[in-house]
mmCIF file of all heavy atoms, coordinates in Angstrom:
data_MODEL
# 
_entry.id   MODEL 
# 
loop_
_atom_site.group_PDB 
_atom_site.id 
_atom_site.type_symbol 
_atom_site.label_atom_id 
_atom_site.label_alt_id 
_atom_site.label_comp_id 
_atom_site.label_asym_id 
_atom_site.label_entity_id 
_atom_site.label_seq_id 
_atom_site.pdbx_PDB_ins_code 
_atom_site.Cartn_x 
_atom_site.Cartn_y 
_atom_site.Cartn_z 
_atom_site.occupancy 
_atom_site.B_iso_or_equiv 
_atom_site.pdbx_formal_charge 
_atom_site.auth_seq_id 
_atom_site.auth_comp_id 
_atom_site.auth_asym_id 
_atom_site.auth_atom_id 
_atom_site.pdbx_PDB_model_num 
ATOM 1   N N   . GLN A 1 1  ? 3.287  -25.222 -9.583  1.00 0.00 ? 1  GLN A N   1 
ATOM 2   C CA  . GLN A 1 1  ? 3.380  -24.765 -10.967 1.00 0.00 ? 1  GLN A CA  1 
ATOM 3   C C   . GLN A 1 1  ? 2.060  -24.139 -11.426 1.00 0.00 ? 1  GLN A C   1 
ATOM 4   O O   . GLN A 1 1  ? 2.070  -23.110 -12.112 1.00 0.00 ? 1  GLN A O   1 
ATOM 5   C CB  . GLN A 1 1  ? 3.756  -25.926 -11.871 1.00 0.00 ? 1  GLN A CB  1 
ATOM 6   C CG  . GLN A 1 1  ? 3.997  -25.517 -13.299 1.00 0.00 ? 1  GLN A CG  1 
ATOM 7   C CD  . GLN A 1 1  ? 4.465  -26.685 -14.150 1.00 0.00 ? 1  GLN A CD  1 
ATOM 8   O OE1 . GLN A 1 1  ? 4.634  -27.800 -13.672 1.00 0.00 ? 1  GLN A OE1 1 
ATOM 9   N NE2 . GLN A 1 1  ? 4.681  -26.418 -15.418 1.00 0.00 ? 1  GLN A NE2 1 
ATOM 10  N N   . MET A 1 2  ? 0.947  -24.725 -11.058 1.00 0.00 ? 2  MET A N   1 
ATOM 11  C CA  . MET A 1 2  ? -0.354 -24.158 -11.425 1.00 0.00 ? 2  MET A CA  1 
ATOM 12  C C   . MET A 1 2  ? -0.539 -22.768 -10.812 1.00 0.00 ? 2  MET A C   1 
ATOM 13  O O   . MET A 1 2  ? -0.984 -21.840 -11.493 1.00 0.00 ? 2  MET A O   1 
ATOM 14  C CB  . MET A 1 2  ? -1.481 -25.073 -10.930 1.00 0.00 ? 2  MET A CB  1 
ATOM 15  C CG  . MET A 1 2  ? -1.685 -26.305 -11.746 1.00 0.00 ? 2  MET A CG  1 
ATOM 16  S SD  . MET A 1 2  ? -2.921 -27.441 -11.081 1.00 0.00 ? 2  MET A SD  1 
ATOM 17  C CE  . MET A 1 2  ? -4.217 -26.396 -10.510 1.00 0.00 ? 2  MET A CE  1 
ATOM 18  N N   . ARG A 1 3  ? -0.181 -22.641 -9.562  1.00 0.00 ? 3  ARG A N   1 
ATOM 19  C CA  . ARG A 1 3  ? -0.342 -21.342 -8.895  1.00 0.00 ? 3  ARG A CA  1 
ATOM 20  C C   . ARG A 1 3  ? 0.579  -20.284 -9.505  1.00 0.00 ? 3  ARG A C   1 
ATOM 21  O O   . ARG A 1 3  ? 0.150  -19.154 -9.763  1.00 0.00 ? 3  ARG A O   1 
ATOM 22  C CB  . ARG A 1 3  ? -0.062 -21.484 -7.405  1.00 0.00 ? 3  ARG A CB  1 
ATOM 23  C CG  . ARG A 1 3  ? -1.156 -22.220 -6.686  1.00 0.00 ? 3  ARG A CG  1 
ATOM 24  C CD  . ARG A 1 3  ? -0.842 -22.380 -5.228  1.00 0.00 ? 3  ARG A CD  1 
ATOM 25  N NE  . ARG A 1 3  ? -2.002 -22.934 -4.524  1.00 0.00 ? 3  ARG A NE  1 
ATOM 26  C CZ  . ARG A 1 3  ? -1.938 -23.533 -3.373  1.00 0.00 ? 3  ARG A CZ  1 
ATOM 27  N NH1 . ARG A 1 3  ? -0.789 -23.660 -2.751  1.00 0.00 ? 3  ARG A NH1 1 
ATOM 28  N NH2 . ARG A 1 3  ? -3.023 -24.009 -2.809  1.00 0.00 ? 3  ARG A NH2 1 
ATOM 29  N N   . ARG A 1 4  ? 1.820  -20.644 -9.732  1.00 0.00 ? 4  ARG A N   1 
ATOM 30  C CA  . ARG A 1 4  ? 2.766  -19.683 -10.305 1.00 0.00 ? 4  ARG A CA  1 
ATOM 31  C C   . ARG A 1 4  ? 2.371  -19.267 -11.713 1.00 0.00 ? 4  ARG A C   1 
ATOM 32  O O   . ARG A 1 4  ? 2.476  -18.091 -12.077 1.00 0.00 ? 4  ARG A O   1 
ATOM 33  C CB  . ARG A 1 4  ? 4.182  -20.242 -10.309 1.00 0.00 ? 4  ARG A CB  1 
ATOM 34  C CG  . ARG A 1 4  ? 4.803  -20.271 -8.915  1.00 0.00 ? 4  ARG A CG  1 
ATOM 35  C CD  . ARG A 1 4  ? 6.233  -20.787 -8.925  1.00 0.00 ? 4  ARG A CD  1 
ATOM 36  N NE  . ARG A 1 4  ? 6.221  -22.232 -9.170  1.00 0.00 ? 4  ARG A NE  1 
ATOM 37  C CZ  . ARG A 1 4  ? 6.855  -22.830 -10.176 1.00 0.00 ? 4  ARG A CZ  1 
ATOM 38  N NH1 . ARG A 1 4  ? 7.564  -22.133 -11.023 1.00 0.00 ? 4  ARG A NH1 1 
ATOM 39  N NH2 . ARG A 1 4  ? 6.784  -24.133 -10.324 1.00 0.00 ? 4  ARG A NH2 1 
ATOM 40  N N   . SER A 1 5  ? 1.888  -20.197 -12.513 1.00 0.00 ? 5  SER A N   1 
ATOM 41  C CA  . SER A 1 5  ? 1.506  -19.859 -13.885 1.00 0.00 ? 5  SER A CA  1 
ATOM 42  C C   . SER A 1 5  ? 0.286  -18.952 -13.931 1.00 0.00 ? 5  SER A C   1 
ATOM 43  O O   . SER A 1 5  ? 0.199  -18.070 -14.787 1.00 0.00 ? 5  SER A O   1 
ATOM 44  C CB  . SER A 1 5  ? 1.268  -21.122 -14.710 1.00 0.00 ? 5  SER A CB  1 
ATOM 45  O OG  . SER A 1 5  ? 0.191  -21.856 -14.216 1.00 0.00 ? 5  SER A OG  1 
ATOM 46  N N   . SER A 1 6  ? -0.651 -19.137 -13.019 1.00 0.00 ? 6  SER A N   1 
ATOM 47  C CA  . SER A 1 6  ? -1.820 -18.264 -13.008 1.00 0.00 ? 6  SER A CA  1 
ATOM 48  C C   . SER A 1 6  ? -1.442 -16.843 -12.585 1.00 0.00 ? 6  SER A C   1 
ATOM 49  O O   . SER A 1 6  ? -1.973 -15.870 -13.125 1.00 0.00 ? 6  SER A O   1 
ATOM 50  C CB  . SER A 1 6  ? -2.918 -18.824 -12.112 1.00 0.00 ? 6  SER A CB  1 
ATOM 51  O OG  . SER A 1 6  ? -2.529 -18.854 -10.769 1.00 0.00 ? 6  SER A OG  1 
ATOM 52  N N   . VAL A 1 7  ? -0.522 -16.712 -11.654 1.00 0.00 ? 7  VAL A N   1 
ATOM 53  C CA  . VAL A 1 7  ? -0.040 -15.389 -11.253 1.00 0.00 ? 7  VAL A CA  1 
ATOM 54  C C   . VAL A 1 7  ? 0.764  -14.745 -12.377 1.00 0.00 ? 7  VAL A C   1 
ATOM 55  O O   . VAL A 1 7  ? 0.704  -13.532 -12.593 1.00 0.00 ? 7  VAL A O   1 
ATOM 56  C CB  . VAL A 1 7  ? 0.794  -15.485 -9.952  1.00 0.00 ? 7  VAL A CB  1 
ATOM 57  C CG1 . VAL A 1 7  ? 1.490  -14.173 -9.642  1.00 0.00 ? 7  VAL A CG1 1 
ATOM 58  C CG2 . VAL A 1 7  ? -0.090 -15.909 -8.799  1.00 0.00 ? 7  VAL A CG2 1 
ATOM 59  N N   . PHE A 1 8  ? 1.491  -15.552 -13.135 1.00 0.00 ? 8  PHE A N   1 
ATOM 60  C CA  . PHE A 1 8  ? 2.288  -15.076 -14.262 1.00 0.00 ? 8  PHE A CA  1 
ATOM 61  C C   . PHE A 1 8  ? 1.411  -14.348 -15.278 1.00 0.00 ? 8  PHE A C   1 
ATOM 62  O O   . PHE A 1 8  ? 1.805  -13.312 -15.816 1.00 0.00 ? 8  PHE A O   1 
ATOM 63  C CB  . PHE A 1 8  ? 2.997  -16.278 -14.910 1.00 0.00 ? 8  PHE A CB  1 
ATOM 64  C CG  . PHE A 1 8  ? 3.801  -15.958 -16.121 1.00 0.00 ? 8  PHE A CG  1 
ATOM 65  C CD1 . PHE A 1 8  ? 5.060  -15.402 -16.003 1.00 0.00 ? 8  PHE A CD1 1 
ATOM 66  C CD2 . PHE A 1 8  ? 3.315  -16.240 -17.389 1.00 0.00 ? 8  PHE A CD2 1 
ATOM 67  C CE1 . PHE A 1 8  ? 5.819  -15.119 -17.127 1.00 0.00 ? 8  PHE A CE1 1 
ATOM 68  C CE2 . PHE A 1 8  ? 4.068  -15.963 -18.512 1.00 0.00 ? 8  PHE A CE2 1 
ATOM 69  C CZ  . PHE A 1 8  ? 5.313  -15.398 -18.379 1.00 0.00 ? 8  PHE A CZ  1 
ATOM 70  N N   . VAL A 1 9  ? 0.224  -14.871 -15.540 1.00 0.00 ? 9  VAL A N   1 
ATOM 71  C CA  . VAL A 1 9  ? -0.687 -14.249 -16.505 1.00 0.00 ? 9  VAL A CA  1 
ATOM 72  C C   . VAL A 1 9  ? -1.068 -12.843 -16.048 1.00 0.00 ? 9  VAL A C   1 
ATOM 73  O O   . VAL A 1 9  ? -0.907 -11.871 -16.787 1.00 0.00 ? 9  VAL A O   1 
ATOM 74  C CB  . VAL A 1 9  ? -1.945 -15.124 -16.720 1.00 0.00 ? 9  VAL A CB  1 
ATOM 75  C CG1 . VAL A 1 9  ? -2.962 -14.407 -17.581 1.00 0.00 ? 9  VAL A CG1 1 
ATOM 76  C CG2 . VAL A 1 9  ? -1.573 -16.460 -17.326 1.00 0.00 ? 9  VAL A CG2 1 
ATOM 77  N N   . ALA A 1 10 ? -1.545 -12.720 -14.824 1.00 0.00 ? 10 ALA A N   1 
ATOM 78  C CA  . ALA A 1 10 ? -1.959 -11.409 -14.309 1.00 0.00 ? 10 ALA A CA  1 
ATOM 79  C C   . ALA A 1 10 ? -0.784 -10.440 -14.226 1.00 0.00 ? 10 ALA A C   1 
ATOM 80  O O   . ALA A 1 10 ? -0.921 -9.256  -14.545 1.00 0.00 ? 10 ALA A O   1 
ATOM 81  C CB  . ALA A 1 10 ? -2.599 -11.568 -12.935 1.00 0.00 ? 10 ALA A CB  1 
ATOM 82  N N   . SER A 1 11 ? 0.377  -10.935 -13.846 1.00 0.00 ? 11 SER A N   1 
ATOM 83  C CA  . SER A 1 11 ? 1.560  -10.076 -13.712 1.00 0.00 ? 11 SER A CA  1 
ATOM 84  C C   . SER A 1 11 ? 2.006  -9.523  -15.055 1.00 0.00 ? 11 SER A C   1 
ATOM 85  O O   . SER A 1 11 ? 2.378  -8.352  -15.162 1.00 0.00 ? 11 SER A O   1 
ATOM 86  C CB  . SER A 1 11 ? 2.713  -10.856 -13.089 1.00 0.00 ? 11 SER A CB  1 
ATOM 87  O OG  . SER A 1 11 ? 2.373  -11.280 -11.802 1.00 0.00 ? 11 SER A OG  1 
ATOM 88  N N   . ASN A 1 12 ? 1.982  -10.341 -16.093 1.00 0.00 ? 12 ASN A N   1 
ATOM 89  C CA  . ASN A 1 12 ? 2.395  -9.870  -17.413 1.00 0.00 ? 12 ASN A CA  1 
ATOM 90  C C   . ASN A 1 12 ? 1.413  -8.863  -17.993 1.00 0.00 ? 12 ASN A C   1 
ATOM 91  O O   . ASN A 1 12 ? 1.816  -7.924  -18.665 1.00 0.00 ? 12 ASN A O   1 
ATOM 92  C CB  . ASN A 1 12 ? 2.587  -11.046 -18.367 1.00 0.00 ? 12 ASN A CB  1 
ATOM 93  C CG  . ASN A 1 12 ? 3.963  -11.632 -18.244 1.00 0.00 ? 12 ASN A CG  1 
ATOM 94  O OD1 . ASN A 1 12 ? 4.950  -10.932 -18.379 1.00 0.00 ? 12 ASN A OD1 1 
ATOM 95  N ND2 . ASN A 1 12 ? 4.024  -12.912 -17.966 1.00 0.00 ? 12 ASN A ND2 1 
ATOM 96  N N   . ILE A 1 13 ? 0.144  -9.032  -17.733 1.00 0.00 ? 13 ILE A N   1 
ATOM 97  C CA  . ILE A 1 13 ? -0.838 -8.053  -18.188 1.00 0.00 ? 13 ILE A CA  1 
ATOM 98  C C   . ILE A 1 13 ? -0.602 -6.720  -17.491 1.00 0.00 ? 13 ILE A C   1 
ATOM 99  O O   . ILE A 1 13 ? -0.579 -5.658  -18.121 1.00 0.00 ? 13 ILE A O   1 
ATOM 100 C CB  . ILE A 1 13 ? -2.267 -8.564  -17.945 1.00 0.00 ? 13 ILE A CB  1 
ATOM 101 C CG1 . ILE A 1 13 ? -2.537 -9.782  -18.832 1.00 0.00 ? 13 ILE A CG1 1 
ATOM 102 C CG2 . ILE A 1 13 ? -3.293 -7.463  -18.185 1.00 0.00 ? 13 ILE A CG2 1 
ATOM 103 C CD1 . ILE A 1 13 ? -3.799 -10.532 -18.476 1.00 0.00 ? 13 ILE A CD1 1 
ATOM 104 N N   . ALA A 1 14 ? -0.375 -6.747  -16.179 1.00 0.00 ? 14 ALA A N   1 
ATOM 105 C CA  . ALA A 1 14 ? -0.123 -5.519  -15.424 1.00 0.00 ? 14 ALA A CA  1 
ATOM 106 C C   . ALA A 1 14 ? 1.171  -4.853  -15.876 1.00 0.00 ? 14 ALA A C   1 
ATOM 107 O O   . ALA A 1 14 ? 1.214  -3.634  -16.077 1.00 0.00 ? 14 ALA A O   1 
ATOM 108 C CB  . ALA A 1 14 ? -0.058 -5.839  -13.932 1.00 0.00 ? 14 ALA A CB  1 
ATOM 109 N N   . GLU A 1 15 ? 2.211  -5.638  -16.054 1.00 0.00 ? 15 GLU A N   1 
ATOM 110 C CA  . GLU A 1 15 ? 3.495  -5.064  -16.480 1.00 0.00 ? 15 GLU A CA  1 
ATOM 111 C C   . GLU A 1 15 ? 3.395  -4.479  -17.878 1.00 0.00 ? 15 GLU A C   1 
ATOM 112 O O   . GLU A 1 15 ? 3.928  -3.411  -18.157 1.00 0.00 ? 15 GLU A O   1 
ATOM 113 C CB  . GLU A 1 15 ? 4.588  -6.126  -16.447 1.00 0.00 ? 15 GLU A CB  1 
ATOM 114 C CG  . GLU A 1 15 ? 5.954  -5.580  -16.796 1.00 0.00 ? 15 GLU A CG  1 
ATOM 115 C CD  . GLU A 1 15 ? 7.058  -6.619  -16.733 1.00 0.00 ? 15 GLU A CD  1 
ATOM 116 O OE1 . GLU A 1 15 ? 6.828  -7.718  -16.201 1.00 0.00 ? 15 GLU A OE1 1 
ATOM 117 O OE2 . GLU A 1 15 ? 8.151  -6.312  -17.236 1.00 0.00 ? 15 GLU A OE2 1 
ATOM 118 N N   . GLY A 1 16 ? 2.705  -5.170  -18.763 1.00 0.00 ? 16 GLY A N   1 
ATOM 119 C CA  . GLY A 1 16 ? 2.555  -4.669  -20.130 1.00 0.00 ? 16 GLY A CA  1 
ATOM 120 C C   . GLY A 1 16 ? 1.809  -3.360  -20.185 1.00 0.00 ? 16 GLY A C   1 
ATOM 121 O O   . GLY A 1 16 ? 2.166  -2.462  -20.943 1.00 0.00 ? 16 GLY A O   1 
ATOM 122 N N   . SER A 1 17 ? 0.783  -3.216  -19.375 1.00 0.00 ? 17 SER A N   1 
ATOM 123 C CA  . SER A 1 17 ? 0.031  -1.963  -19.383 1.00 0.00 ? 17 SER A CA  1 
ATOM 124 C C   . SER A 1 17 ? 0.837  -0.826  -18.775 1.00 0.00 ? 17 SER A C   1 
ATOM 125 O O   . SER A 1 17 ? 0.650  0.330   -19.131 1.00 0.00 ? 17 SER A O   1 
ATOM 126 C CB  . SER A 1 17 ? -1.292 -2.134  -18.647 1.00 0.00 ? 17 SER A CB  1 
ATOM 127 O OG  . SER A 1 17 ? -1.084 -2.303  -17.268 1.00 0.00 ? 17 SER A OG  1 
ATOM 128 N N   . ALA A 1 18 ? 1.745  -1.134  -17.890 1.00 0.00 ? 18 ALA A N   1 
ATOM 129 C CA  . ALA A 1 18 ? 2.571  -0.097  -17.256 1.00 0.00 ? 18 ALA A CA  1 
ATOM 130 C C   . ALA A 1 18 ? 3.654  0.422   -18.189 1.00 0.00 ? 18 ALA A C   1 
ATOM 131 O O   . ALA A 1 18 ? 4.097  1.554   -18.054 1.00 0.00 ? 18 ALA A O   1 
ATOM 132 C CB  . ALA A 1 18 ? 3.209  -0.637  -15.986 1.00 0.00 ? 18 ALA A CB  1 
ATOM 133 N N   . ARG A 1 19 ? 4.068  -0.395  -19.123 1.00 0.00 ? 19 ARG A N   1 
ATOM 134 C CA  . ARG A 1 19 ? 5.139  0.027   -20.032 1.00 0.00 ? 19 ARG A CA  1 
ATOM 135 C C   . ARG A 1 19 ? 4.683  1.071   -21.025 1.00 0.00 ? 19 ARG A C   1 
ATOM 136 O O   . ARG A 1 19 ? 5.495  1.810   -21.541 1.00 0.00 ? 19 ARG A O   1 
ATOM 137 C CB  . ARG A 1 19 ? 5.693  -1.187  -20.772 1.00 0.00 ? 19 ARG A CB  1 
ATOM 138 C CG  . ARG A 1 19 ? 6.354  -2.153  -19.827 1.00 0.00 ? 19 ARG A CG  1 
ATOM 139 C CD  . ARG A 1 19 ? 7.630  -2.623  -20.353 1.00 0.00 ? 19 ARG A CD  1 
ATOM 140 N NE  . ARG A 1 19 ? 8.271  -3.500  -19.373 1.00 0.00 ? 19 ARG A NE  1 
ATOM 141 C CZ  . ARG A 1 19 ? 9.101  -4.436  -19.702 1.00 0.00 ? 19 ARG A CZ  1 
ATOM 142 N NH1 . ARG A 1 19 ? 9.399  -4.646  -20.966 1.00 0.00 ? 19 ARG A NH1 1 
ATOM 143 N NH2 . ARG A 1 19 ? 9.662  -5.169  -18.774 1.00 0.00 ? 19 ARG A NH2 1 
ATOM 144 N N   . GLY A 1 20 ? 3.414  1.074   -21.344 1.00 0.00 ? 20 GLY A N   1 
ATOM 145 C CA  . GLY A 1 20 ? 2.861  2.152   -22.149 1.00 0.00 ? 20 GLY A CA  1 
ATOM 146 C C   . GLY A 1 20 ? 2.941  1.974   -23.645 1.00 0.00 ? 20 GLY A C   1 
ATOM 147 O O   . GLY A 1 20 ? 1.962  2.167   -24.322 1.00 0.00 ? 20 GLY A O   1 
ATOM 148 N N   . SER A 1 21 ? 4.088  1.600   -24.176 1.00 0.00 ? 21 SER A N   1 
ATOM 149 C CA  . SER A 1 21 ? 4.198  1.513   -25.629 1.00 0.00 ? 21 SER A CA  1 
ATOM 150 C C   . SER A 1 21 ? 3.502  0.257   -26.134 1.00 0.00 ? 21 SER A C   1 
ATOM 151 O O   . SER A 1 21 ? 3.540  -0.793  -25.498 1.00 0.00 ? 21 SER A O   1 
ATOM 152 C CB  . SER A 1 21 ? 5.660  1.531   -26.068 1.00 0.00 ? 21 SER A CB  1 
ATOM 153 O OG  . SER A 1 21 ? 6.301  0.343   -25.682 1.00 0.00 ? 21 SER A OG  1 
ATOM 154 N N   . ASN A 1 22 ? 2.875  0.376   -27.265 1.00 0.00 ? 22 ASN A N   1 
ATOM 155 C CA  . ASN A 1 22 ? 2.082  -0.713  -27.808 1.00 0.00 ? 22 ASN A CA  1 
ATOM 156 C C   . ASN A 1 22 ? 2.895  -1.976  -28.087 1.00 0.00 ? 22 ASN A C   1 
ATOM 157 O O   . ASN A 1 22 ? 2.434  -3.064  -27.740 1.00 0.00 ? 22 ASN A O   1 
ATOM 158 C CB  . ASN A 1 22 ? 1.335  -0.251  -29.059 1.00 0.00 ? 22 ASN A CB  1 
ATOM 159 C CG  . ASN A 1 22 ? 0.259  -1.220  -29.474 1.00 0.00 ? 22 ASN A CG  1 
ATOM 160 O OD1 . ASN A 1 22 ? -0.312 -1.912  -28.644 1.00 0.00 ? 22 ASN A OD1 1 
ATOM 161 N ND2 . ASN A 1 22 ? -0.024 -1.256  -30.751 1.00 0.00 ? 22 ASN A ND2 1 
ATOM 162 N N   . PRO A 1 23 ? 4.096  -1.917  -28.685 1.00 0.00 ? 23 PRO A N   1 
ATOM 163 C CA  . PRO A 1 23 ? 4.841  -3.162  -28.928 1.00 0.00 ? 23 PRO A CA  1 
ATOM 164 C C   . PRO A 1 23 ? 5.184  -3.927  -27.645 1.00 0.00 ? 23 PRO A C   1 
ATOM 165 O O   . PRO A 1 23 ? 5.092  -5.155  -27.612 1.00 0.00 ? 23 PRO A O   1 
ATOM 166 C CB  . PRO A 1 23 ? 6.118  -2.702  -29.634 1.00 0.00 ? 23 PRO A CB  1 
ATOM 167 C CG  . PRO A 1 23 ? 5.779  -1.385  -30.239 1.00 0.00 ? 23 PRO A CG  1 
ATOM 168 C CD  . PRO A 1 23 ? 4.766  -0.773  -29.311 1.00 0.00 ? 23 PRO A CD  1 
ATOM 169 N N   . ASN A 1 24 ? 5.565  -3.215  -26.591 1.00 0.00 ? 24 ASN A N   1 
ATOM 170 C CA  . ASN A 1 24 ? 5.854  -3.886  -25.330 1.00 0.00 ? 24 ASN A CA  1 
ATOM 171 C C   . ASN A 1 24 ? 4.614  -4.500  -24.713 1.00 0.00 ? 24 ASN A C   1 
ATOM 172 O O   . ASN A 1 24 ? 4.647  -5.611  -24.172 1.00 0.00 ? 24 ASN A O   1 
ATOM 173 C CB  . ASN A 1 24 ? 6.477  -2.911  -24.324 1.00 0.00 ? 24 ASN A CB  1 
ATOM 174 C CG  . ASN A 1 24 ? 7.933  -2.634  -24.634 1.00 0.00 ? 24 ASN A CG  1 
ATOM 175 O OD1 . ASN A 1 24 ? 8.617  -3.461  -25.212 1.00 0.00 ? 24 ASN A OD1 1 
ATOM 176 N ND2 . ASN A 1 24 ? 8.385  -1.461  -24.247 1.00 0.00 ? 24 ASN A ND2 1 
ATOM 177 N N   . PHE A 1 25 ? 3.507  -3.771  -24.782 1.00 0.00 ? 25 PHE A N   1 
ATOM 178 C CA  . PHE A 1 25 ? 2.253  -4.281  -24.222 1.00 0.00 ? 25 PHE A CA  1 
ATOM 179 C C   . PHE A 1 25 ? 1.828  -5.553  -24.958 1.00 0.00 ? 25 PHE A C   1 
ATOM 180 O O   . PHE A 1 25 ? 1.475  -6.553  -24.332 1.00 0.00 ? 25 PHE A O   1 
ATOM 181 C CB  . PHE A 1 25 ? 1.175  -3.216  -24.300 1.00 0.00 ? 25 PHE A CB  1 
ATOM 182 C CG  . PHE A 1 25 ? -0.141 -3.642  -23.723 1.00 0.00 ? 25 PHE A CG  1 
ATOM 183 C CD1 . PHE A 1 25 ? -0.238 -3.967  -22.380 1.00 0.00 ? 25 PHE A CD1 1 
ATOM 184 C CD2 . PHE A 1 25 ? -1.274 -3.716  -24.499 1.00 0.00 ? 25 PHE A CD2 1 
ATOM 185 C CE1 . PHE A 1 25 ? -1.454 -4.362  -21.826 1.00 0.00 ? 25 PHE A CE1 1 
ATOM 186 C CE2 . PHE A 1 25 ? -2.482 -4.098  -23.967 1.00 0.00 ? 25 PHE A CE2 1 
ATOM 187 C CZ  . PHE A 1 25 ? -2.569 -4.423  -22.625 1.00 0.00 ? 25 PHE A CZ  1 
ATOM 188 N N   . VAL A 1 26 ? 1.888  -5.516  -26.284 1.00 0.00 ? 26 VAL A N   1 
ATOM 189 C CA  . VAL A 1 26 ? 1.497  -6.676  -27.077 1.00 0.00 ? 26 VAL A CA  1 
ATOM 190 C C   . VAL A 1 26 ? 2.390  -7.857  -26.784 1.00 0.00 ? 26 VAL A C   1 
ATOM 191 O O   . VAL A 1 26 ? 1.915  -8.984  -26.658 1.00 0.00 ? 26 VAL A O   1 
ATOM 192 C CB  . VAL A 1 26 ? 1.515  -6.308  -28.601 1.00 0.00 ? 26 VAL A CB  1 
ATOM 193 C CG1 . VAL A 1 26 ? 1.354  -7.548  -29.460 1.00 0.00 ? 26 VAL A CG1 1 
ATOM 194 C CG2 . VAL A 1 26 ? 0.439  -5.297  -28.906 1.00 0.00 ? 26 VAL A CG2 1 
ATOM 195 N N   . ARG A 1 27 ? 3.679  -7.631  -26.646 1.00 0.00 ? 27 ARG A N   1 
ATOM 196 C CA  . ARG A 1 27 ? 4.616  -8.719  -26.372 1.00 0.00 ? 27 ARG A CA  1 
ATOM 197 C C   . ARG A 1 27 ? 4.308  -9.383  -25.020 1.00 0.00 ? 27 ARG A C   1 
ATOM 198 O O   . ARG A 1 27 ? 4.286  -10.605 -24.912 1.00 0.00 ? 27 ARG A O   1 
ATOM 199 C CB  . ARG A 1 27 ? 6.062  -8.196  -26.367 1.00 0.00 ? 27 ARG A CB  1 
ATOM 200 C CG  . ARG A 1 27 ? 7.117  -9.274  -26.158 1.00 0.00 ? 27 ARG A CG  1 
ATOM 201 C CD  . ARG A 1 27 ? 8.511  -8.702  -26.305 1.00 0.00 ? 27 ARG A CD  1 
ATOM 202 N NE  . ARG A 1 27 ? 8.787  -7.618  -25.407 1.00 0.00 ? 27 ARG A NE  1 
ATOM 203 C CZ  . ARG A 1 27 ? 9.215  -7.764  -24.145 1.00 0.00 ? 27 ARG A CZ  1 
ATOM 204 N NH1 . ARG A 1 27 ? 9.402  -8.958  -23.652 1.00 0.00 ? 27 ARG A NH1 1 
ATOM 205 N NH2 . ARG A 1 27 ? 9.459  -6.718  -23.389 1.00 0.00 ? 27 ARG A NH2 1 
# 
């Protein structure tokens, strides 16, 4: 669980920046 949650943080930041629009990135 610790390993998966730490990867989750980095993955969501990367995915948010790829989406481009500000509301999606913020979410």
